[in-house]
PDB file of all heavy atoms in Angstrom:
ATOM      1  N   ASN A   1       0.810  -1.214   0.000  1.00  0.00           N
ATOM      2  CA  ASN A   1       0.000   0.000   0.000  1.00  0.00           C
ATOM      3  C   ASN A   1       0.844   1.266   0.000  1.00  0.00           C
ATOM      4  O   ASN A   1       0.374   2.311  -0.448  1.00  0.00           O
ATOM      5  CB  ASN A   1      -0.983   0.003   1.175  1.00  0.00           C
ATOM      6  CG  ASN A   1      -0.294   0.049   2.510  1.00  0.00           C
ATOM      7  OD1 ASN A   1       0.780  -0.528   2.681  1.00  0.00           O
ATOM      8  ND2 ASN A   1      -0.897   0.722   3.462  1.00  0.00           N
ATOM      9  N   SER A   2       2.082   1.191   0.459  1.00  0.00           N
ATOM     10  CA  SER A   2       2.934   2.385   0.492  1.00  0.00           C
ATOM     11  C   SER A   2       3.223   2.920  -0.908  1.00  0.00           C
ATOM     12  O   SER A   2       3.491   4.105  -1.070  1.00  0.00           O
ATOM     13  CB  SER A   2       4.248   2.078   1.216  1.00  0.00           C
ATOM     14  OG  SER A   2       4.986   1.101   0.492  1.00  0.00           O
ATOM     15  N   ILE A   3       3.157   2.052  -1.906  1.00  0.00           N
ATOM     16  CA  ILE A   3       3.373   2.492  -3.292  1.00  0.00           C
ATOM     17  C   ILE A   3       2.167   2.143  -4.175  1.00  0.00           C
ATOM     18  O   ILE A   3       2.229   2.273  -5.396  1.00  0.00           O
ATOM     19  CB  ILE A   3       4.679   1.922  -3.889  1.00  0.00           C
ATOM     20  CG1 ILE A   3       4.674   0.393  -3.883  1.00  0.00           C
ATOM     21  CG2 ILE A   3       5.891   2.493  -3.157  1.00  0.00           C
ATOM     22  CD1 ILE A   3       5.822  -0.246  -4.667  1.00  0.00           C
ATOM     23  N   ASN A   4       1.090   1.674  -3.538  1.00  0.00           N
ATOM     24  CA  ASN A   4      -0.158   1.353  -4.225  1.00  0.00           C
ATOM     25  C   ASN A   4       0.056   0.379  -5.392  1.00  0.00           C
ATOM     26  O   ASN A   4      -0.376   0.626  -6.518  1.00  0.00           O
ATOM     27  CB  ASN A   4      -0.862   2.626  -4.703  1.00  0.00           C
ATOM     28  CG  ASN A   4      -2.318   2.357  -5.027  1.00  0.00           C
ATOM     29  OD1 ASN A   4      -2.947   1.487  -4.436  1.00  0.00           O
ATOM     30  ND2 ASN A   4      -2.853   3.105  -5.981  1.00  0.00           N
ATOM     31  N   ILE A   5       0.727  -0.731  -5.093  1.00  0.00           N
ATOM     32  CA  ILE A   5       0.978  -1.738  -6.125  1.00  0.00           C
ATOM     33  C   ILE A   5       0.572  -3.120  -5.626  1.00  0.00           C
ATOM     34  O   ILE A   5       0.771  -3.446  -4.460  1.00  0.00           O
ATOM     35  CB  ILE A   5       2.461  -1.741  -6.590  1.00  0.00           C
ATOM     36  CG1 ILE A   5       2.665  -2.651  -7.817  1.00  0.00           C
ATOM     37  CG2 ILE A   5       3.395  -2.222  -5.492  1.00  0.00           C
ATOM     38  CD1 ILE A   5       2.200  -2.057  -9.094  1.00  0.00           C
ATOM     39  N   GLN A   6      -0.029  -3.855  -6.536  1.00  0.00           N
ATOM     40  CA  GLN A   6      -0.375  -5.248  -6.290  1.00  0.00           C
ATOM     41  C   GLN A   6       0.381  -6.080  -7.331  1.00  0.00           C
ATOM     42  O   GLN A   6       0.400  -5.723  -8.509  1.00  0.00           O
ATOM     43  CB  GLN A   6      -1.879  -5.424  -6.459  1.00  0.00           C
ATOM     44  CG  GLN A   6      -2.349  -6.855  -6.477  1.00  0.00           C
ATOM     45  CD  GLN A   6      -3.858  -6.916  -6.604  1.00  0.00           C
ATOM     46  OE1 GLN A   6      -4.556  -6.759  -5.622  1.00  0.00           O
ATOM     47  NE2 GLN A   6      -4.365  -7.140  -7.818  1.00  0.00           N
ATOM     48  N   ILE A   7       0.986  -7.176  -6.883  1.00  0.00           N
ATOM     49  CA  ILE A   7       1.691  -8.072  -7.803  1.00  0.00           C
ATOM     50  C   ILE A   7       1.112  -9.463  -7.623  1.00  0.00           C
ATOM     51  O   ILE A   7       1.164 -10.030  -6.536  1.00  0.00           O
ATOM     52  CB  ILE A   7       3.211  -8.083  -7.530  1.00  0.00           C
ATOM     53  CG1 ILE A   7       3.770  -6.659  -7.617  1.00  0.00           C
ATOM     54  CG2 ILE A   7       3.919  -9.030  -8.505  1.00  0.00           C
ATOM     55  CD1 ILE A   7       5.200  -6.523  -7.127  1.00  0.00           C
ATOM     56  N   ARG A   8       0.546  -9.978  -8.708  1.00  0.00           N
ATOM     57  CA  ARG A   8      -0.063 -11.303  -8.682  1.00  0.00           C
ATOM     58  C   ARG A   8       0.839 -12.259  -9.444  1.00  0.00           C
ATOM     59  O   ARG A   8       1.328 -11.932 -10.529  1.00  0.00           O
ATOM     60  CB  ARG A   8      -1.450 -11.249  -9.319  1.00  0.00           C
ATOM     61  CG  ARG A   8      -2.273 -12.482  -9.070  1.00  0.00           C
ATOM     62  CD  ARG A   8      -3.727 -12.240  -9.420  1.00  0.00           C
ATOM     63  NE  ARG A   8      -3.944 -12.086 -10.834  1.00  0.00           N
ATOM     64  CZ  ARG A   8      -4.463 -13.034 -11.616  1.00  0.00           C
ATOM     65  NH1 ARG A   8      -4.819 -14.196 -11.118  1.00  0.00           N
ATOM     66  NH2 ARG A   8      -4.638 -12.797 -12.897  1.00  0.00           N
ATOM     67  N   ILE A   9       1.037 -13.433  -8.849  1.00  0.00           N
ATOM     68  CA  ILE A   9       1.941 -14.429  -9.416  1.00  0.00           C
ATOM     69  C   ILE A   9       1.225 -15.775  -9.466  1.00  0.00           C
ATOM     70  O   ILE A   9       0.520 -16.138  -8.526  1.00  0.00           O
ATOM     71  CB  ILE A   9       3.216 -14.554  -8.542  1.00  0.00           C
ATOM     72  CG1 ILE A   9       3.994 -13.235  -8.533  1.00  0.00           C
ATOM     73  CG2 ILE A   9       4.093 -15.706  -8.998  1.00  0.00           C
ATOM     74  CD1 ILE A   9       5.123 -13.186  -7.519  1.00  0.00           C
ATOM     75  N   LYS A  10       1.413 -16.512 -10.551  1.00  0.00           N
ATOM     76  CA  LYS A  10       0.987 -17.905 -10.632  1.00  0.00           C
ATOM     77  C   LYS A  10       2.259 -18.742 -10.666  1.00  0.00           C
ATOM     78  O   LYS A  10       3.251 -18.355 -11.316  1.00  0.00           O
ATOM     79  CB  LYS A  10       0.161 -18.164 -11.887  1.00  0.00           C
ATOM     80  CG  LYS A  10      -1.182 -17.465 -11.895  1.00  0.00           C
ATOM     81  CD  LYS A  10      -1.940 -17.805 -13.175  1.00  0.00           C
ATOM     82  CE  LYS A  10      -3.249 -17.042 -13.251  1.00  0.00           C
ATOM     83  NZ  LYS A  10      -3.991 -17.363 -14.494  1.00  0.00           N
ATOM     84  N   ALA A  11       2.223 -19.893  -9.979  1.00  0.00           N
ATOM     85  CA  ALA A  11       3.448 -20.681  -9.861  1.00  0.00           C
ATOM     86  C   ALA A  11       3.158 -22.147  -9.570  1.00  0.00           C
ATOM     87  O   ALA A  11       2.060 -22.499  -9.141  1.00  0.00           O
ATOM     88  CB  ALA A  11       4.316 -20.103  -8.735  1.00  0.00           C
ATOM     89  N   LYS A  12       4.171 -22.960  -9.779  1.00  0.00           N
ATOM     90  CA  LYS A  12       4.177 -24.353  -9.347  1.00  0.00           C
ATOM     91  C   LYS A  12       4.992 -24.403  -8.060  1.00  0.00           C
ATOM     92  O   LYS A  12       6.022 -23.739  -7.936  1.00  0.00           O
ATOM     93  CB  LYS A  12       4.816 -25.262 -10.397  1.00  0.00           C
ATOM     94  CG  LYS A  12       4.064 -25.314 -11.707  1.00  0.00           C
ATOM     95  CD  LYS A  12       2.792 -26.087 -11.572  1.00  0.00           C
ATOM     96  CE  LYS A  12       2.112 -26.253 -12.925  1.00  0.00           C
ATOM     97  NZ  LYS A  12       0.925 -27.061 -12.861  1.00  0.00           N
ATOM     98  N   ILE A  13       4.531 -25.205  -7.085  1.00  0.00           N
ATOM     99  CA  ILE A  13       5.173 -25.240  -5.763  1.00  0.00           C
ATOM    100  C   ILE A  13       5.587 -26.661  -5.405  1.00  0.00           C
ATOM    101  O   ILE A  13       4.936 -27.627  -5.804  1.00  0.00           O
ATOM    102  CB  ILE A  13       4.224 -24.649  -4.693  1.00  0.00           C
ATOM    103  CG1 ILE A  13       4.977 -24.382  -3.393  1.00  0.00           C
ATOM    104  CG2 ILE A  13       3.002 -25.532  -4.487  1.00  0.00           C
ATOM    105  CD1 ILE A  13       4.234 -23.475  -2.431  1.00  0.00           C
ATOM    106  N   ASN A  14       6.688 -26.768  -4.683  1.00  0.00           N
ATOM    107  CA  ASN A  14       7.143 -28.050  -4.154  1.00  0.00           C
ATOM    108  C   ASN A  14       8.005 -27.817  -2.918  1.00  0.00           C
ATOM    109  O   ASN A  14       8.384 -26.687  -2.637  1.00  0.00           O
ATOM    110  CB  ASN A  14       7.908 -28.841  -5.227  1.00  0.00           C
ATOM    111  CG  ASN A  14       9.139 -28.106  -5.702  1.00  0.00           C
ATOM    112  OD1 ASN A  14       9.242 -26.898  -5.596  1.00  0.00           O
ATOM    113  ND2 ASN A  14      10.088 -28.823  -6.242  1.00  0.00           N
ATOM    114  N   LYS A  15       8.286 -28.884  -2.202  1.00  0.00           N
ATOM    115  CA  LYS A  15       9.151 -28.767  -1.029  1.00  0.00           C
ATOM    116  C   LYS A  15      10.536 -28.305  -1.458  1.00  0.00           C
ATOM    117  O   LYS A  15      11.052 -28.733  -2.490  1.00  0.00           O
ATOM    118  CB  LYS A  15       9.298 -30.119  -0.320  1.00  0.00           C
ATOM    119  CG  LYS A  15       8.186 -30.455   0.612  1.00  0.00           C
ATOM    120  CD  LYS A  15       8.541 -31.738   1.369  1.00  0.00           C
ATOM    121  CE  LYS A  15       7.411 -32.166   2.271  1.00  0.00           C
ATOM    122  NZ  LYS A  15       7.741 -33.411   2.973  1.00  0.00           N
ATOM    123  N   SER A  16      11.126 -27.438  -0.642  1.00  0.00           N
ATOM    124  CA  SER A  16      12.509 -27.014  -0.879  1.00  0.00           C
ATOM    125  C   SER A  16      13.442 -28.167  -0.534  1.00  0.00           C
ATOM    126  O   SER A  16      13.062 -29.095   0.187  1.00  0.00           O
ATOM    127  CB  SER A  16      12.859 -25.817   0.012  1.00  0.00           C
ATOM    128  OG  SER A  16      11.997 -24.741  -0.227  1.00  0.00           O
ATOM    129  N   ASN A  17      14.672 -28.082  -1.006  1.00  0.00           N
ATOM    130  CA  ASN A  17      15.613 -29.141  -0.659  1.00  0.00           C
ATOM    131  C   ASN A  17      15.972 -29.060   0.824  1.00  0.00           C
ATOM    132  O   ASN A  17      15.872 -27.999   1.455  1.00  0.00           O
ATOM    133  CB  ASN A  17      16.856 -29.111  -1.569  1.00  0.00           C
ATOM    134  CG  ASN A  17      17.707 -27.881  -1.363  1.00  0.00           C
ATOM    135  OD1 ASN A  17      18.139 -27.573  -0.256  1.00  0.00           O
ATOM    136  ND2 ASN A  17      17.960 -27.158  -2.438  1.00  0.00           N
ATOM    137  N   LYS A  18      16.348 -30.205   1.366  1.00  0.00           N
ATOM    138  CA  LYS A  18      16.635 -30.309   2.805  1.00  0.00           C
ATOM    139  C   LYS A  18      17.776 -29.399   3.234  1.00  0.00           C
ATOM    140  O   LYS A  18      17.744 -28.845   4.331  1.00  0.00           O
ATOM    141  CB  LYS A  18      16.945 -31.762   3.169  1.00  0.00           C
ATOM    142  CG  LYS A  18      15.739 -32.656   3.114  1.00  0.00           C
ATOM    143  CD  LYS A  18      16.095 -34.085   3.499  1.00  0.00           C
ATOM    144  CE  LYS A  18      14.851 -34.954   3.419  1.00  0.00           C
ATOM    145  NZ  LYS A  18      15.101 -36.331   3.828  1.00  0.00           N
ATOM    146  N   ALA A  19      18.767 -29.225   2.374  1.00  0.00           N
ATOM    147  CA  ALA A  19      19.916 -28.380   2.730  1.00  0.00           C
ATOM    148  C   ALA A  19      19.473 -26.939   2.976  1.00  0.00           C
ATOM    149  O   ALA A  19      19.918 -26.304   3.937  1.00  0.00           O
ATOM    150  CB  ALA A  19      20.980 -28.442   1.640  1.00  0.00           C
ATOM    151  N   LEU A  20      18.587 -26.414   2.134  1.00  0.00           N
ATOM    152  CA  LEU A  20      18.094 -25.042   2.316  1.00  0.00           C
ATOM    153  C   LEU A  20      17.265 -24.939   3.595  1.00  0.00           C
ATOM    154  O   LEU A  20      17.405 -23.981   4.362  1.00  0.00           O
ATOM    155  CB  LEU A  20      17.273 -24.600   1.115  1.00  0.00           C
ATOM    156  CG  LEU A  20      16.671 -23.197   1.194  1.00  0.00           C
ATOM    157  CD1 LEU A  20      17.748 -22.125   1.347  1.00  0.00           C
ATOM    158  CD2 LEU A  20      15.829 -22.911  -0.039  1.00  0.00           C
ATOM    159  N   SER A  21      16.415 -25.946   3.837  1.00  0.00           N
ATOM    160  CA  SER A  21      15.606 -25.936   5.067  1.00  0.00           C
ATOM    161  C   SER A  21      16.501 -25.988   6.298  1.00  0.00           C
ATOM    162  O   SER A  21      16.268 -25.267   7.277  1.00  0.00           O
ATOM    163  CB  SER A  21      14.620 -27.108   5.059  1.00  0.00           C
ATOM    164  OG  SER A  21      13.645 -26.917   4.059  1.00  0.00           O
ATOM    165  N   ASP A  22      17.532 -26.824   6.266  1.00  0.00           N
ATOM    166  CA  ASP A  22      18.479 -26.905   7.389  1.00  0.00           C
ATOM    167  C   ASP A  22      19.208 -25.582   7.587  1.00  0.00           C
ATOM    168  O   ASP A  22      19.322 -25.090   8.711  1.00  0.00           O
ATOM    169  CB  ASP A  22      19.507 -28.019   7.150  1.00  0.00           C
ATOM    170  CG  ASP A  22      18.951 -29.413   7.348  1.00  0.00           C
ATOM    171  OD1 ASP A  22      17.878 -29.566   7.970  1.00  0.00           O
ATOM    172  OD2 ASP A  22      19.601 -30.368   6.877  1.00  0.00           O
ATOM    173  N   GLU A  23      19.703 -25.013   6.496  1.00  0.00           N
ATOM    174  CA  GLU A  23      20.445 -23.746   6.582  1.00  0.00           C
ATOM    175  C   GLU A  23      19.591 -22.657   7.224  1.00  0.00           C
ATOM    176  O   GLU A  23      20.040 -21.931   8.110  1.00  0.00           O
ATOM    177  CB  GLU A  23      20.879 -23.322   5.173  1.00  0.00           C
ATOM    178  CG  GLU A  23      21.591 -21.995   5.112  1.00  0.00           C
ATOM    179  CD  GLU A  23      21.888 -21.550   3.683  1.00  0.00           C
ATOM    180  OE1 GLU A  23      22.049 -22.422   2.798  1.00  0.00           O
ATOM    181  OE2 GLU A  23      21.958 -20.326   3.461  1.00  0.00           O
ATOM    182  N   HIS A  24      18.341 -22.559   6.792  1.00  0.00           N
ATOM    183  CA  HIS A  24      17.458 -21.533   7.339  1.00  0.00           C
ATOM    184  C   HIS A  24      17.136 -21.812   8.811  1.00  0.00           C
ATOM    185  O   HIS A  24      17.175 -20.902   9.647  1.00  0.00           O
ATOM    186  CB  HIS A  24      16.167 -21.443   6.520  1.00  0.00           C
ATOM    187  CG  HIS A  24      15.241 -20.381   6.995  1.00  0.00           C
ATOM    188  ND1 HIS A  24      15.471 -19.037   6.798  1.00  0.00           N
ATOM    189  CD2 HIS A  24      14.083 -20.451   7.706  1.00  0.00           C
ATOM    190  CE1 HIS A  24      14.502 -18.336   7.343  1.00  0.00           C
ATOM    191  NE2 HIS A  24      13.642 -19.170   7.903  1.00  0.00           N
ATOM    192  N   TYR A  25      16.827 -23.052   9.121  1.00  0.00           N
ATOM    193  CA  TYR A  25      16.472 -23.437  10.499  1.00  0.00           C
ATOM    194  C   TYR A  25      17.608 -23.100  11.467  1.00  0.00           C
ATOM    195  O   TYR A  25      17.384 -22.494  12.512  1.00  0.00           O
ATOM    196  CB  TYR A  25      16.148 -24.928  10.548  1.00  0.00           C
ATOM    197  CG  TYR A  25      15.783 -25.440  11.922  1.00  0.00           C
ATOM    198  CD1 TYR A  25      14.487 -25.323  12.405  1.00  0.00           C
ATOM    199  CD2 TYR A  25      16.729 -26.049  12.744  1.00  0.00           C
ATOM    200  CE1 TYR A  25      14.133 -25.802  13.659  1.00  0.00           C
ATOM    201  CE2 TYR A  25      16.384 -26.525  14.010  1.00  0.00           C
ATOM    202  CZ  TYR A  25      15.089 -26.404  14.450  1.00  0.00           C
ATOM    203  OH  TYR A  25      14.759 -26.865  15.702  1.00  0.00           O
ATOM    204  N   PHE A  26      18.828 -23.470  11.111  1.00  0.00           N
ATOM    205  CA  PHE A  26      19.952 -23.281  12.031  1.00  0.00           C
ATOM    206  C   PHE A  26      20.444 -21.833  12.094  1.00  0.00           C
ATOM    207  O   PHE A  26      21.204 -21.480  12.989  1.00  0.00           O
ATOM    208  CB  PHE A  26      21.086 -24.252  11.712  1.00  0.00           C
ATOM    209  CG  PHE A  26      20.695 -25.675  12.021  1.00  0.00           C
ATOM    210  CD1 PHE A  26      20.552 -26.616  11.021  1.00  0.00           C
ATOM    211  CD2 PHE A  26      20.427 -26.061  13.334  1.00  0.00           C
ATOM    212  CE1 PHE A  26      20.163 -27.918  11.311  1.00  0.00           C
ATOM    213  CE2 PHE A  26      20.035 -27.363  13.630  1.00  0.00           C
ATOM    214  CZ  PHE A  26      19.904 -28.290  12.610  1.00  0.00           C
ATOM    215  N   ALA A  27      19.946 -20.985  11.196  1.00  0.00           N
ATOM    216  CA  ALA A  27      20.285 -19.558  11.258  1.00  0.00           C
ATOM    217  C   ALA A  27      19.294 -18.793  12.142  1.00  0.00           C
ATOM    218  O   ALA A  27      19.522 -17.642  12.472  1.00  0.00           O
ATOM    219  CB  ALA A  27      20.297 -18.968   9.850  1.00  0.00           C
ATOM    220  N   ARG A  28      18.209 -19.464  12.535  1.00  0.00           N
ATOM    221  CA  ARG A  28      17.167 -18.819  13.334  1.00  0.00           C
ATOM    222  C   ARG A  28      17.478 -18.896  14.827  1.00  0.00           C
ATOM    223  O   ARG A  28      18.305 -19.684  15.263  1.00  0.00           O
ATOM    224  CB  ARG A  28      15.816 -19.503  13.076  1.00  0.00           C
ATOM    225  CG  ARG A  28      15.318 -19.323  11.692  1.00  0.00           C
ATOM    226  CD  ARG A  28      14.201 -20.261  11.276  1.00  0.00           C
ATOM    227  NE  ARG A  28      13.380 -20.824  12.313  1.00  0.00           N
ATOM    228  CZ  ARG A  28      12.064 -20.686  12.409  1.00  0.00           C
ATOM    229  NH1 ARG A  28      11.416 -19.981  11.520  1.00  0.00           N
ATOM    230  NH2 ARG A  28      11.383 -21.272  13.359  1.00  0.00           N
ATOM    231  N   SER A  29      16.748 -18.106  15.589  1.00  0.00           N
ATOM    232  CA  SER A  29      16.913 -18.111  17.043  1.00  0.00           C
ATOM    233  C   SER A  29      16.284 -19.375  17.644  1.00  0.00           C
ATOM    234  O   SER A  29      15.397 -19.990  17.042  1.00  0.00           O
ATOM    235  CB  SER A  29      16.240 -16.882  17.658  1.00  0.00           C
ATOM    236  OG  SER A  29      14.824 -17.004  17.552  1.00  0.00           O
ATOM    237  N   ASP A  30      16.727 -19.735  18.836  1.00  0.00           N
ATOM    238  CA  ASP A  30      16.131 -20.869  19.552  1.00  0.00           C
ATOM    239  C   ASP A  30      14.646 -20.645  19.788  1.00  0.00           C
ATOM    240  O   ASP A  30      13.855 -21.580  19.732  1.00  0.00           O
ATOM    241  CB  ASP A  30      16.831 -21.093  20.900  1.00  0.00           C
ATOM    242  CG  ASP A  30      18.175 -21.795  20.762  1.00  0.00           C
ATOM    243  OD1 ASP A  30      18.519 -22.232  19.636  1.00  0.00           O
ATOM    244  OD2 ASP A  30      18.882 -21.918  21.780  1.00  0.00           O
ATOM    245  N   LYS A  31      14.251 -19.398  20.039  1.00  0.00           N
ATOM    246  CA  LYS A  31      12.839 -19.106  20.281  1.00  0.00           C
ATOM    247  C   LYS A  31      11.985 -19.430  19.063  1.00  0.00           C
ATOM    248  O   LYS A  31      10.921 -20.037  19.180  1.00  0.00           O
ATOM    249  CB  LYS A  31      12.652 -17.641  20.692  1.00  0.00           C
ATOM    250  CG  LYS A  31      13.146 -17.334  22.082  1.00  0.00           C
ATOM    251  CD  LYS A  31      12.930 -15.890  22.436  1.00  0.00           C
ATOM    252  CE  LYS A  31      13.398 -15.634  23.874  1.00  0.00           C
ATOM    253  NZ  LYS A  31      13.160 -14.248  24.284  1.00  0.00           N
ATOM    254  N   LYS A  32      12.455 -19.033  17.877  1.00  0.00           N
ATOM    255  CA  LYS A  32      11.696 -19.336  16.663  1.00  0.00           C
ATOM    256  C   LYS A  32      11.668 -20.839  16.401  1.00  0.00           C
ATOM    257  O   LYS A  32      10.649 -21.387  15.981  1.00  0.00           O
ATOM    258  CB  LYS A  32      12.289 -18.595  15.463  1.00  0.00           C
ATOM    259  CG  LYS A  32      11.951 -17.131  15.452  1.00  0.00           C
ATOM    260  CD  LYS A  32      12.410 -16.475  14.175  1.00  0.00           C
ATOM    261  CE  LYS A  32      11.990 -15.016  14.165  1.00  0.00           C
ATOM    262  NZ  LYS A  32      12.316 -14.369  12.907  1.00  0.00           N
ATOM    263  N   ASN A  33      12.792 -21.505  16.650  1.00  0.00           N
ATOM    264  CA  ASN A  33      12.832 -22.947  16.412  1.00  0.00           C
ATOM    265  C   ASN A  33      12.005 -23.716  17.430  1.00  0.00           C
ATOM    266  O   ASN A  33      11.435 -24.757  17.107  1.00  0.00           O
ATOM    267  CB  ASN A  33      14.269 -23.439  16.355  1.00  0.00           C
ATOM    268  CG  ASN A  33      14.958 -22.979  15.077  1.00  0.00           C
ATOM    269  OD1 ASN A  33      14.291 -22.650  14.097  1.00  0.00           O
ATOM    270  ND2 ASN A  33      16.262 -22.933  15.083  1.00  0.00           N
ATOM    271  N   ALA A  34      11.915 -23.202  18.645  1.00  0.00           N
ATOM    272  CA  ALA A  34      11.045 -23.827  19.641  1.00  0.00           C
ATOM    273  C   ALA A  34       9.593 -23.731  19.185  1.00  0.00           C
ATOM    274  O   ALA A  34       8.810 -24.669  19.377  1.00  0.00           O
ATOM    275  CB  ALA A  34      11.230 -23.179  21.011  1.00  0.00           C
ATOM    276  N   LEU A  35       9.231 -22.622  18.549  1.00  0.00           N
ATOM    277  CA  LEU A  35       7.875 -22.487  17.989  1.00  0.00           C
ATOM    278  C   LEU A  35       7.647 -23.529  16.892  1.00  0.00           C
ATOM    279  O   LEU A  35       6.604 -24.175  16.846  1.00  0.00           O
ATOM    280  CB  LEU A  35       7.657 -21.082  17.421  1.00  0.00           C
ATOM    281  CG  LEU A  35       7.384 -19.980  18.424  1.00  0.00           C
ATOM    282  CD1 LEU A  35       7.394 -18.621  17.729  1.00  0.00           C
ATOM    283  CD2 LEU A  35       6.060 -20.198  19.126  1.00  0.00           C
ATOM    284  N   ALA A  36       8.632 -23.679  16.007  1.00  0.00           N
ATOM    285  CA  ALA A  36       8.496 -24.657  14.919  1.00  0.00           C
ATOM    286  C   ALA A  36       8.375 -26.075  15.468  1.00  0.00           C
ATOM    287  O   ALA A  36       7.596 -26.880  14.967  1.00  0.00           O
ATOM    288  CB  ALA A  36       9.700 -24.571  13.978  1.00  0.00           C
ATOM    289  N   ASN A  37       9.136 -26.378  16.504  1.00  0.00           N
ATOM    290  CA  ASN A  37       9.130 -27.720  17.090  1.00  0.00           C
ATOM    291  C   ASN A  37       7.879 -28.003  17.906  1.00  0.00           C
ATOM    292  O   ASN A  37       7.402 -29.134  17.940  1.00  0.00           O
ATOM    293  CB  ASN A  37      10.364 -27.909  17.988  1.00  0.00           C
ATOM    294  CG  ASN A  37      11.586 -28.304  17.213  1.00  0.00           C
ATOM    295  OD1 ASN A  37      11.814 -29.469  16.938  1.00  0.00           O
ATOM    296  ND2 ASN A  37      12.387 -27.320  16.834  1.00  0.00           N
ATOM    297  N   SER A  38       7.357 -27.003  18.584  1.00  0.00           N
ATOM    298  CA  SER A  38       6.258 -27.245  19.518  1.00  0.00           C
ATOM    299  C   SER A  38       4.874 -27.025  18.924  1.00  0.00           C
ATOM    300  O   SER A  38       3.876 -27.418  19.517  1.00  0.00           O
ATOM    301  CB  SER A  38       6.422 -26.348  20.760  1.00  0.00           C
ATOM    302  OG  SER A  38       6.278 -24.981  20.416  1.00  0.00           O
ATOM    303  N   SER A  39       4.805 -26.429  17.742  1.00  0.00           N
ATOM    304  CA  SER A  39       3.508 -26.084  17.160  1.00  0.00           C
ATOM    305  C   SER A  39       2.911 -27.246  16.376  1.00  0.00           C
ATOM    306  O   SER A  39       3.582 -27.867  15.566  1.00  0.00           O
ATOM    307  CB  SER A  39       3.676 -24.886  16.219  1.00  0.00           C
ATOM    308  OG  SER A  39       2.484 -24.665  15.504  1.00  0.00           O
ATOM    309  N   ASN A  40       1.658 -27.515  16.646  1.00  0.00           N
ATOM    310  CA  ASN A  40       0.882 -28.436  15.816  1.00  0.00           C
ATOM    311  C   ASN A  40      -0.041 -27.565  14.979  1.00  0.00           C
ATOM    312  O   ASN A  40      -1.236 -27.470  15.243  1.00  0.00           O
ATOM    313  CB  ASN A  40       0.080 -29.412  16.675  1.00  0.00           C
ATOM    314  CG  ASN A  40       0.977 -30.350  17.432  1.00  0.00           C
ATOM    315  OD1 ASN A  40       1.982 -30.803  16.910  1.00  0.00           O
ATOM    316  ND2 ASN A  40       0.627 -30.643  18.675  1.00  0.00           N
ATOM    317  N   GLN A  41       0.549 -26.929  13.987  1.00  0.00           N
ATOM    318  CA  GLN A  41      -0.125 -25.882  13.224  1.00  0.00           C
ATOM    319  C   GLN A  41      -1.498 -26.312  12.723  1.00  0.00           C
ATOM    320  O   GLN A  41      -1.652 -27.383  12.155  1.00  0.00           O
ATOM    321  CB  GLN A  41       0.750 -25.461  12.052  1.00  0.00           C
ATOM    322  CG  GLN A  41       0.271 -24.224  11.377  1.00  0.00           C
ATOM    323  CD  GLN A  41       1.232 -23.738  10.313  1.00  0.00           C
ATOM    324  OE1 GLN A  41       2.018 -24.477   9.772  1.00  0.00           O
ATOM    325  NE2 GLN A  41       1.136 -22.465  10.006  1.00  0.00           N
ATOM    326  N   SER A  42      -2.470 -25.455  12.962  1.00  0.00           N
ATOM    327  CA  SER A  42      -3.860 -25.620  12.528  1.00  0.00           C
ATOM    328  C   SER A  42      -4.580 -26.782  13.195  1.00  0.00           C
ATOM    329  O   SER A  42      -5.637 -27.194  12.743  1.00  0.00           O
ATOM    330  CB  SER A  42      -3.948 -25.745  11.001  1.00  0.00           C
ATOM    331  OG  SER A  42      -3.477 -24.566  10.393  1.00  0.00           O
ATOM    332  N   SER A  43      -4.017 -27.320  14.270  1.00  0.00           N
ATOM    333  CA  SER A  43      -4.694 -28.375  15.028  1.00  0.00           C
ATOM    334  C   SER A  43      -5.490 -27.742  16.160  1.00  0.00           C
ATOM    335  O   SER A  43      -5.156 -26.657  16.641  1.00  0.00           O
ATOM    336  CB  SER A  43      -3.676 -29.343  15.634  1.00  0.00           C
ATOM    337  OG  SER A  43      -2.961 -30.000  14.619  1.00  0.00           O
ATOM    338  N   ILE A  44      -6.520 -28.429  16.588  1.00  0.00           N
ATOM    339  CA  ILE A  44      -7.311 -27.952  17.718  1.00  0.00           C
ATOM    340  C   ILE A  44      -6.435 -28.008  18.964  1.00  0.00           C
ATOM    341  O   ILE A  44      -5.716 -28.988  19.179  1.00  0.00           O
ATOM    342  CB  ILE A  44      -8.578 -28.816  17.887  1.00  0.00           C
ATOM    343  CG1 ILE A  44      -9.473 -28.652  16.649  1.00  0.00           C
ATOM    344  CG2 ILE A  44      -9.326 -28.442  19.163  1.00  0.00           C
ATOM    345  CD1 ILE A  44     -10.655 -29.593  16.602  1.00  0.00           C
TER     346      ILE A  44
END
């Protein structure tokens, strides 16, 4: 909204490779990783 632009994209999606997921995970804080480990996302 700061520049009043919308960008719409269509794409094919798949899981990223494990190396990228590992690299990102280990660069994060323990607090963020504790959230990833403890969350049962979208579960009751």
